[in-house]
Amino acid sequence: MNICQGQDGPIVIDNSSAFRYKDDVPLVIPEINAETTIGKKLIANPNCTTAIGLMAVWPLHKQFELRKLVMSTYQAASGAGQPGMDELVEGSKSVLSGERDVADNKVFAHPLPFNVIPHIDKFQENGYTKEEMKVTWETRKICGLGDDFPVSCTAVRIPTFRAHSESIIALFDKAVDISAARNALDDAPGVKLVDDPDNLKYPMPLTATGQYDVEVGRLRKNIAFDNALEFFVSGDQLLRGAAL
């Protein structure tokens, strides 16, 4: 950390996970907690999955006060870099050409073409993967929540090239109101409300790719829990978070 110490030292934005959980290093999504960077020379950048999801969660948290968060992610092959994208392309070609019944795999734990894989990063002792726990740890820190605040995530790799999507259930302390929720999302910087099911408009990787704003839609009251909202987000992870 010596490189960023002293009044005349440079400001360092670290894109790895090395400093994310250190108390004296801010973990930052600019639209949420930019003020934590004041006076800091070292700033940590969050995981792209966290960065995309919290863009939608944060304005709702400010409106209704978050109590619990449950997330399922649908993550593109490019999350594993160019080798992951290449494996998807070549594997798809081999199956479609009839060369193979099932694609070969080296980058991913299983063949990705025509498949989904509920496994990203290493499994932890609690049964979650490290990718899933990153969402828990980073959400707590970025949003200023307690160390035991309940956040649960299931991360799934899907056979798309770019942009991660997430299905989110957020439980709140205050009674939720759809109109107020829509207004909060519509006014939030970095968020694009795409929520017109009658005209088949909702967030998708295809439309989220290449844009900095995170698409949010399918907004509705969750019918299984009290004071809960359910929604879907898509964001280009090559423009948000640590995939930059």
C-alpha atoms as a PDB file:
ATOM      1  CA  MET A   1       0.000   0.000   0.000  1.00  0.00           C
ATOM      2  CA  ASN A   2       3.039   2.320   0.160  1.00  0.00           C
ATOM      3  CA  ILE A   3       2.445   3.438  -3.431  1.00  0.00           C
ATOM      4  CA  CYS A   4      -0.607   5.459  -2.463  1.00  0.00           C
ATOM      5  CA  GLN A   5       0.581   6.891   0.852  1.00  0.00           C
ATOM      6  CA  GLY A   6       1.500  10.517   1.443  1.00  0.00           C
ATOM      7  CA  GLN A   7      -0.141  13.775   0.438  1.00  0.00           C
ATOM      8  CA  ASP A   8       1.440  13.754  -3.003  1.00  0.00           C
ATOM      9  CA  GLY A   9       0.916  10.077  -3.783  1.00  0.00           C
ATOM     10  CA  PRO A  10      -1.400   8.980  -6.604  1.00  0.00           C
ATOM     11  CA  ILE A  11      -4.956   7.790  -6.088  1.00  0.00           C
ATOM     12  CA  VAL A  12      -5.070   4.049  -6.753  1.00  0.00           C
ATOM     13  CA  ILE A  13      -8.269   2.276  -7.807  1.00  0.00           C
ATOM     14  CA  ASP A  14      -7.682  -1.435  -7.296  1.00  0.00           C
ATOM     15  CA  ASN A  15      -9.650  -3.755  -9.569  1.00  0.00           C
ATOM     16  CA  SER A  16      -8.851  -6.967  -7.697  1.00  0.00           C
ATOM     17  CA  SER A  17     -10.375  -8.380  -4.518  1.00  0.00           C
ATOM     18  CA  ALA A  18      -7.179  -7.771  -2.509  1.00  0.00           C
ATOM     19  CA  PHE A  19      -8.440  -4.730  -0.575  1.00  0.00           C
ATOM     20  CA  ARG A  20     -12.229  -4.994  -0.800  1.00  0.00           C
ATOM     21  CA  TYR A  21     -12.801  -6.203   2.742  1.00  0.00           C
ATOM     22  CA  LYS A  22     -10.222  -4.060   4.545  1.00  0.00           C
ATOM     23  CA  ASP A  23     -11.906  -1.644   6.943  1.00  0.00           C
ATOM     24  CA  ASP A  24      -9.773   1.344   5.982  1.00  0.00           C
ATOM     25  CA  VAL A  25     -10.249   0.912   2.212  1.00  0.00           C
ATOM     26  CA  PRO A  26     -13.555   2.146   0.734  1.00  0.00           C
ATOM     27  CA  LEU A  27     -15.372  -0.275  -1.581  1.00  0.00           C
ATOM     28  CA  VAL A  28     -17.124   2.004  -4.003  1.00  0.00           C
ATOM     29  CA  ILE A  29     -19.967   2.211  -6.470  1.00  0.00           C
ATOM     30  CA  PRO A  30     -19.900   5.937  -7.309  1.00  0.00           C
ATOM     31  CA  GLU A  31     -23.694   6.335  -7.521  1.00  0.00           C
ATOM     32  CA  ILE A  32     -24.051   4.835  -4.032  1.00  0.00           C
ATOM     33  CA  ASN A  33     -21.156   5.739  -1.739  1.00  0.00           C
ATOM     34  CA  ALA A  34     -18.760   8.065  -3.553  1.00  0.00           C
ATOM     35  CA  GLU A  35     -18.430  10.128  -0.369  1.00  0.00           C
ATOM     36  CA  THR A  36     -16.388   7.325   1.245  1.00  0.00           C
ATOM     37  CA  THR A  37     -13.499   8.152  -1.107  1.00  0.00           C
ATOM     38  CA  ILE A  38     -12.883  11.577   0.453  1.00  0.00           C
ATOM     39  CA  GLY A  39      -9.310  11.754   1.696  1.00  0.00           C
ATOM     40  CA  LYS A  40      -8.534   8.207   0.550  1.00  0.00           C
ATOM     41  CA  LYS A  41      -5.643   7.268  -1.708  1.00  0.00           C
ATOM     42  CA  LEU A  42      -6.645   3.625  -2.207  1.00  0.00           C
ATOM     43  CA  ILE A  43     -10.123   2.700  -3.463  1.00  0.00           C
ATOM     44  CA  ALA A  44     -11.428  -0.817  -4.093  1.00  0.00           C
ATOM     45  CA  ASN A  45     -13.680  -1.741  -7.000  1.00  0.00           C
ATOM     46  CA  PRO A  46     -16.467  -4.304  -6.348  1.00  0.00           C
ATOM     47  CA  ASN A  47     -17.282  -7.502  -8.174  1.00  0.00           C
ATOM     48  CA  CYS A  48     -19.320  -6.806 -11.311  1.00  0.00           C
ATOM     49  CA  THR A  49     -22.244  -8.932 -10.082  1.00  0.00           C
ATOM     50  CA  THR A  50     -22.542  -6.841  -6.934  1.00  0.00           C
ATOM     51  CA  ALA A  51     -22.126  -3.583  -8.831  1.00  0.00           C
ATOM     52  CA  ILE A  52     -24.957  -4.383 -11.229  1.00  0.00           C
ATOM     53  CA  GLY A  53     -27.433  -5.618  -8.626  1.00  0.00           C
ATOM     54  CA  LEU A  54     -26.896  -2.832  -6.112  1.00  0.00           C
ATOM     55  CA  MET A  55     -27.631  -0.170  -8.696  1.00  0.00           C
ATOM     56  CA  ALA A  56     -31.260  -1.273  -8.418  1.00  0.00           C
ATOM     57  CA  VAL A  57     -31.274  -2.273  -4.749  1.00  0.00           C
ATOM     58  CA  TRP A  58     -29.831   0.972  -3.391  1.00  0.00           C
ATOM     59  CA  PRO A  59     -32.591   3.427  -4.409  1.00  0.00           C
ATOM     60  CA  LEU A  60     -35.179   0.975  -3.090  1.00  0.00           C
ATOM     61  CA  HIS A  61     -33.237   0.612   0.164  1.00  0.00           C
ATOM     62  CA  LYS A  62     -33.294   4.373   0.627  1.00  0.00           C
ATOM     63  CA  GLN A  63     -37.044   4.379   0.035  1.00  0.00           C
ATOM     64  CA  PHE A  64     -38.149   1.355   2.075  1.00  0.00           C
ATOM     65  CA  GLU A  65     -35.163   0.244   4.271  1.00  0.00           C
ATOM     66  CA  LEU A  66     -33.812  -3.140   3.250  1.00  0.00           C
ATOM     67  CA  ARG A  67     -34.300  -6.076   5.640  1.00  0.00           C
ATOM     68  CA  LYS A  68     -33.180  -9.110   3.593  1.00  0.00           C
ATOM     69  CA  LEU A  69     -31.912  -9.723   0.070  1.00  0.00           C
ATOM     70  CA  VAL A  70     -32.098 -12.828  -2.114  1.00  0.00           C
ATOM     71  CA  MET A  71     -30.456 -12.859  -5.536  1.00  0.00           C
ATOM     72  CA  SER A  72     -30.050 -15.336  -8.381  1.00  0.00           C
ATOM     73  CA  THR A  73     -27.610 -14.392 -11.128  1.00  0.00           C
ATOM     74  CA  TYR A  74     -27.364 -15.344 -14.792  1.00  0.00           C
ATOM     75  CA  GLN A  75     -23.784 -14.550 -15.779  1.00  0.00           C
ATOM     76  CA  ALA A  76     -22.371 -14.334 -19.277  1.00  0.00           C
ATOM     77  CA  ALA A  77     -19.425 -16.335 -20.593  1.00  0.00           C
ATOM     78  CA  SER A  78     -17.316 -13.172 -20.825  1.00  0.00           C
ATOM     79  CA  GLY A  79     -17.190 -13.162 -17.036  1.00  0.00           C
ATOM     80  CA  ALA A  80     -14.485 -15.783 -17.562  1.00  0.00           C
ATOM     81  CA  GLY A  81     -12.649 -13.560 -20.048  1.00  0.00           C
ATOM     82  CA  GLN A  82     -11.889 -14.117 -23.710  1.00  0.00           C
ATOM     83  CA  PRO A  83     -11.120 -17.829 -23.157  1.00  0.00           C
ATOM     84  CA  GLY A  84     -14.652 -18.299 -21.818  1.00  0.00           C
ATOM     85  CA  MET A  85     -16.193 -16.596 -24.826  1.00  0.00           C
ATOM     86  CA  ASP A  86     -14.020 -18.612 -27.198  1.00  0.00           C
ATOM     87  CA  GLU A  87     -15.049 -21.858 -25.530  1.00  0.00           C
ATOM     88  CA  LEU A  88     -18.720 -20.934 -25.914  1.00  0.00           C
ATOM     89  CA  VAL A  89     -18.277 -20.093 -29.606  1.00  0.00           C
ATOM     90  CA  GLU A  90     -16.232 -23.148 -30.514  1.00  0.00           C
ATOM     91  CA  GLY A  91     -18.374 -25.463 -28.420  1.00  0.00           C
ATOM     92  CA  SER A  92     -21.579 -24.184 -30.001  1.00  0.00           C
ATOM     93  CA  LYS A  93     -20.113 -24.673 -33.477  1.00  0.00           C
ATOM     94  CA  SER A  94     -19.057 -28.227 -32.703  1.00  0.00           C
ATOM     95  CA  VAL A  95     -22.563 -29.192 -31.549  1.00  0.00           C
ATOM     96  CA  LEU A  96     -24.469 -27.363 -34.295  1.00  0.00           C
ATOM     97  CA  SER A  97     -22.241 -28.849 -36.984  1.00  0.00           C
ATOM     98  CA  GLY A  98     -22.899 -32.346 -35.692  1.00  0.00           C
ATOM     99  CA  GLU A  99     -19.239 -32.858 -34.861  1.00  0.00           C
ATOM    100  CA  ARG A 100     -20.088 -33.469 -31.193  1.00  0.00           C
ATOM    101  CA  ASP A 101     -23.235 -34.243 -29.224  1.00  0.00           C
ATOM    102  CA  VAL A 102     -21.901 -32.337 -26.217  1.00  0.00           C
ATOM    103  CA  ALA A 103     -19.317 -29.555 -26.372  1.00  0.00           C
ATOM    104  CA  ASP A 104     -15.847 -29.879 -24.916  1.00  0.00           C
ATOM    105  CA  ASN A 105     -14.951 -27.834 -21.832  1.00  0.00           C
ATOM    106  CA  LYS A 106     -11.710 -26.564 -20.343  1.00  0.00           C
ATOM    107  CA  VAL A 107     -12.550 -23.108 -19.000  1.00  0.00           C
ATOM    108  CA  PHE A 108     -15.863 -23.986 -17.370  1.00  0.00           C
ATOM    109  CA  ALA A 109     -16.619 -26.861 -15.010  1.00  0.00           C
ATOM    110  CA  HIS A 110     -19.050 -28.331 -17.564  1.00  0.00           C
ATOM    111  CA  PRO A 111     -19.902 -27.630 -21.214  1.00  0.00           C
ATOM    112  CA  LEU A 112     -21.633 -24.252 -21.445  1.00  0.00           C
ATOM    113  CA  PRO A 113     -23.310 -24.373 -24.889  1.00  0.00           C
ATOM    114  CA  PHE A 114     -27.015 -25.275 -24.527  1.00  0.00           C
ATOM    115  CA  ASN A 115     -26.507 -25.588 -20.776  1.00  0.00           C
ATOM    116  CA  VAL A 116     -26.468 -23.557 -17.560  1.00  0.00           C
ATOM    117  CA  ILE A 117     -23.939 -24.146 -14.775  1.00  0.00           C
ATOM    118  CA  PRO A 118     -24.842 -23.266 -11.142  1.00  0.00           C
ATOM    119  CA  HIS A 119     -21.195 -22.946 -10.207  1.00  0.00           C
ATOM    120  CA  ILE A 120     -18.971 -19.841 -10.429  1.00  0.00           C
ATOM    121  CA  ASP A 121     -15.688 -19.742  -8.484  1.00  0.00           C
ATOM    122  CA  LYS A 122     -14.701 -22.132  -5.684  1.00  0.00           C
ATOM    123  CA  PHE A 123     -17.152 -23.730  -3.272  1.00  0.00           C
ATOM    124  CA  GLN A 124     -16.866 -22.603   0.345  1.00  0.00           C
ATOM    125  CA  GLU A 125     -17.421 -24.562   3.569  1.00  0.00           C
ATOM    126  CA  ASN A 126     -20.952 -23.145   3.911  1.00  0.00           C
ATOM    127  CA  GLY A 127     -22.014 -24.551   0.508  1.00  0.00           C
ATOM    128  CA  TYR A 128     -21.973 -21.199  -1.264  1.00  0.00           C
ATOM    129  CA  THR A 129     -19.389 -20.371  -3.923  1.00  0.00           C
ATOM    130  CA  LYS A 130     -16.912 -17.539  -3.465  1.00  0.00           C
ATOM    131  CA  GLU A 131     -18.700 -15.589  -6.217  1.00  0.00           C
ATOM    132  CA  GLU A 132     -21.927 -15.844  -4.226  1.00  0.00           C
ATOM    133  CA  MET A 133     -20.260 -14.817  -0.977  1.00  0.00           C
ATOM    134  CA  LYS A 134     -18.692 -11.810  -2.693  1.00  0.00           C
ATOM    135  CA  VAL A 135     -22.224 -10.501  -3.245  1.00  0.00           C
ATOM    136  CA  THR A 136     -22.988 -10.956   0.465  1.00  0.00           C
ATOM    137  CA  TRP A 137     -19.774  -9.419   1.769  1.00  0.00           C
ATOM    138  CA  GLU A 138     -19.709  -6.534  -0.696  1.00  0.00           C
ATOM    139  CA  THR A 139     -23.395  -5.642  -0.322  1.00  0.00           C
ATOM    140  CA  ARG A 140     -22.965  -5.315   3.424  1.00  0.00           C
ATOM    141  CA  LYS A 141     -19.947  -3.038   3.103  1.00  0.00           C
ATOM    142  CA  ILE A 142     -21.099  -0.823   0.236  1.00  0.00           C
ATOM    143  CA  CYS A 143     -24.562  -0.235   1.697  1.00  0.00           C
ATOM    144  CA  GLY A 144     -23.310   0.240   5.251  1.00  0.00           C
ATOM    145  CA  LEU A 145     -25.208  -2.773   6.583  1.00  0.00           C
ATOM    146  CA  GLY A 146     -24.242  -4.985   9.511  1.00  0.00           C
ATOM    147  CA  ASP A 147     -21.754  -7.840   9.263  1.00  0.00           C
ATOM    148  CA  ASP A 148     -24.596 -10.307   9.815  1.00  0.00           C
ATOM    149  CA  PHE A 149     -27.111  -8.656   7.456  1.00  0.00           C
ATOM    150  CA  PRO A 150     -28.931 -11.462   5.547  1.00  0.00           C
ATOM    151  CA  VAL A 151     -27.916 -11.566   1.867  1.00  0.00           C
ATOM    152  CA  SER A 152     -28.106 -14.796  -0.120  1.00  0.00           C
ATOM    153  CA  CYS A 153     -27.028 -15.403  -3.715  1.00  0.00           C
ATOM    154  CA  THR A 154     -27.000 -18.248  -6.242  1.00  0.00           C
ATOM    155  CA  ALA A 155     -24.683 -17.571  -9.182  1.00  0.00           C
ATOM    156  CA  VAL A 156     -25.269 -19.327 -12.508  1.00  0.00           C
ATOM    157  CA  ARG A 157     -23.215 -19.236 -15.697  1.00  0.00           C
ATOM    158  CA  ILE A 158     -25.337 -19.058 -18.864  1.00  0.00           C
ATOM    159  CA  PRO A 159     -24.432 -19.343 -22.583  1.00  0.00           C
ATOM    160  CA  THR A 160     -24.543 -15.658 -23.511  1.00  0.00           C
ATOM    161  CA  PHE A 161     -21.560 -13.516 -24.523  1.00  0.00           C
ATOM    162  CA  ARG A 162     -21.998 -10.330 -22.542  1.00  0.00           C
ATOM    163  CA  ALA A 163     -24.026  -8.656 -19.762  1.00  0.00           C
ATOM    164  CA  HIS A 164     -25.007 -10.269 -16.478  1.00  0.00           C
ATOM    165  CA  SER A 165     -28.632 -10.524 -15.358  1.00  0.00           C
ATOM    166  CA  GLU A 166     -30.063 -10.987 -11.895  1.00  0.00           C
ATOM    167  CA  SER A 167     -33.405 -11.918 -10.384  1.00  0.00           C
ATOM    168  CA  ILE A 168     -33.724 -10.150  -7.045  1.00  0.00           C
ATOM    169  CA  ILE A 169     -36.139 -10.411  -4.125  1.00  0.00           C
ATOM    170  CA  ALA A 170     -35.731  -7.568  -1.647  1.00  0.00           C
ATOM    171  CA  LEU A 171     -37.556  -7.566   1.696  1.00  0.00           C
ATOM    172  CA  PHE A 172     -38.045  -4.241   3.468  1.00  0.00           C
ATOM    173  CA  ASP A 173     -38.948  -2.872   6.901  1.00  0.00           C
ATOM    174  CA  LYS A 174     -41.400  -0.356   5.442  1.00  0.00           C
ATOM    175  CA  ALA A 175     -44.511  -1.136   3.445  1.00  0.00           C
ATOM    176  CA  VAL A 176     -43.682  -1.182  -0.263  1.00  0.00           C
ATOM    177  CA  ASP A 177     -45.482   0.803  -2.919  1.00  0.00           C
ATOM    178  CA  ILE A 178     -44.990   0.039  -6.606  1.00  0.00           C
ATOM    179  CA  SER A 179     -45.489   3.615  -7.744  1.00  0.00           C
ATOM    180  CA  ALA A 180     -42.939   4.919  -5.243  1.00  0.00           C
ATOM    181  CA  ALA A 181     -40.545   2.133  -6.194  1.00  0.00           C
ATOM    182  CA  ARG A 182     -40.828   2.983  -9.874  1.00  0.00           C
ATOM    183  CA  ASN A 183     -40.204   6.647  -9.165  1.00  0.00           C
ATOM    184  CA  ALA A 184     -37.149   5.825  -7.040  1.00  0.00           C
ATOM    185  CA  LEU A 185     -35.668   3.689  -9.802  1.00  0.00           C
ATOM    186  CA  ASP A 186     -36.578   6.150 -12.525  1.00  0.00           C
ATOM    187  CA  ASP A 187     -34.793   8.951 -10.656  1.00  0.00           C
ATOM    188  CA  ALA A 188     -31.702   6.908  -9.770  1.00  0.00           C
ATOM    189  CA  PRO A 189     -28.496   7.793 -11.656  1.00  0.00           C
ATOM    190  CA  GLY A 190     -27.082   4.907 -13.650  1.00  0.00           C
ATOM    191  CA  VAL A 191     -30.420   3.076 -13.736  1.00  0.00           C
ATOM    192  CA  LYS A 192     -32.662   2.666 -16.771  1.00  0.00           C
ATOM    193  CA  LEU A 193     -36.220   1.574 -15.953  1.00  0.00           C
ATOM    194  CA  VAL A 194     -37.312  -0.888 -18.657  1.00  0.00           C
ATOM    195  CA  ASP A 195     -40.631  -2.121 -17.333  1.00  0.00           C
ATOM    196  CA  ASP A 196     -43.441  -2.336 -19.878  1.00  0.00           C
ATOM    197  CA  PRO A 197     -44.536  -6.001 -20.034  1.00  0.00           C
ATOM    198  CA  ASP A 198     -47.598  -5.175 -22.164  1.00  0.00           C
ATOM    199  CA  ASN A 199     -45.223  -4.143 -24.940  1.00  0.00           C
ATOM    200  CA  LEU A 200     -42.693  -6.894 -24.165  1.00  0.00           C
ATOM    201  CA  LYS A 201     -40.139  -4.462 -22.761  1.00  0.00           C
ATOM    202  CA  TYR A 202     -37.965  -5.699 -19.880  1.00  0.00           C
ATOM    203  CA  PRO A 203     -34.253  -6.011 -19.101  1.00  0.00           C
ATOM    204  CA  MET A 204     -32.241  -8.381 -21.291  1.00  0.00           C
ATOM    205  CA  PRO A 205     -28.537  -8.956 -21.964  1.00  0.00           C
ATOM    206  CA  LEU A 206     -29.174  -8.165 -25.628  1.00  0.00           C
ATOM    207  CA  THR A 207     -30.355  -4.636 -24.856  1.00  0.00           C
ATOM    208  CA  ALA A 208     -28.112  -3.993 -21.839  1.00  0.00           C
ATOM    209  CA  THR A 209     -24.923  -4.773 -23.753  1.00  0.00           C
ATOM    210  CA  GLY A 210     -22.861  -1.709 -24.583  1.00  0.00           C
ATOM    211  CA  GLN A 211     -24.639   0.735 -22.273  1.00  0.00           C
ATOM    212  CA  TYR A 212     -23.370   2.031 -18.954  1.00  0.00           C
ATOM    213  CA  ASP A 213     -26.799   2.213 -17.296  1.00  0.00           C
ATOM    214  CA  VAL A 214     -28.208  -0.899 -15.635  1.00  0.00           C
ATOM    215  CA  GLU A 215     -31.621  -1.971 -16.905  1.00  0.00           C
ATOM    216  CA  VAL A 216     -34.272  -2.715 -14.255  1.00  0.00           C
ATOM    217  CA  GLY A 217     -37.742  -4.139 -14.856  1.00  0.00           C
ATOM    218  CA  ARG A 218     -40.301  -6.877 -14.115  1.00  0.00           C
ATOM    219  CA  LEU A 219     -40.971  -4.868 -10.964  1.00  0.00           C
ATOM    220  CA  ARG A 220     -43.725  -6.319  -8.799  1.00  0.00           C
ATOM    221  CA  LYS A 221     -44.747  -7.026  -5.232  1.00  0.00           C
ATOM    222  CA  ASN A 222     -43.531 -10.454  -4.192  1.00  0.00           C
ATOM    223  CA  ILE A 223     -46.511 -12.641  -3.268  1.00  0.00           C
ATOM    224  CA  ALA A 224     -44.565 -14.987  -0.958  1.00  0.00           C
ATOM    225  CA  PHE A 225     -43.245 -12.393   1.510  1.00  0.00           C
ATOM    226  CA  ASP A 226     -44.650  -9.285   3.182  1.00  0.00           C
ATOM    227  CA  ASN A 227     -43.171  -5.907   2.244  1.00  0.00           C
ATOM    228  CA  ALA A 228     -41.103  -7.408  -0.568  1.00  0.00           C
ATOM    229  CA  LEU A 229     -40.351  -6.409  -4.137  1.00  0.00           C
ATOM    230  CA  GLU A 230     -39.184  -8.684  -6.932  1.00  0.00           C
ATOM    231  CA  PHE A 231     -37.440  -7.441 -10.056  1.00  0.00           C
ATOM    232  CA  PHE A 232     -34.979  -8.306 -12.811  1.00  0.00           C
ATOM    233  CA  VAL A 233     -31.822  -6.457 -13.825  1.00  0.00           C
ATOM    234  CA  SER A 234     -29.376  -6.672 -16.721  1.00  0.00           C
ATOM    235  CA  GLY A 235     -26.100  -4.806 -16.923  1.00  0.00           C
ATOM    236  CA  ASP A 236     -23.000  -4.875 -19.075  1.00  0.00           C
ATOM    237  CA  GLN A 237     -20.399  -6.287 -16.705  1.00  0.00           C
ATOM    238  CA  LEU A 238     -17.626  -5.092 -19.012  1.00  0.00           C
ATOM    239  CA  LEU A 239     -18.664  -1.547 -18.101  1.00  0.00           C
ATOM    240  CA  ARG A 240     -19.552  -2.073 -14.428  1.00  0.00           C
ATOM    241  CA  GLY A 241     -17.457  -3.369 -11.551  1.00  0.00           C
ATOM    242  CA  ALA A 242     -14.283  -5.423 -11.572  1.00  0.00           C
ATOM    243  CA  ALA A 243     -14.714  -6.706 -15.142  1.00  0.00           C
ATOM    244  CA  LEU A 244     -13.691  -3.234 -16.346  1.00  0.00           C
END
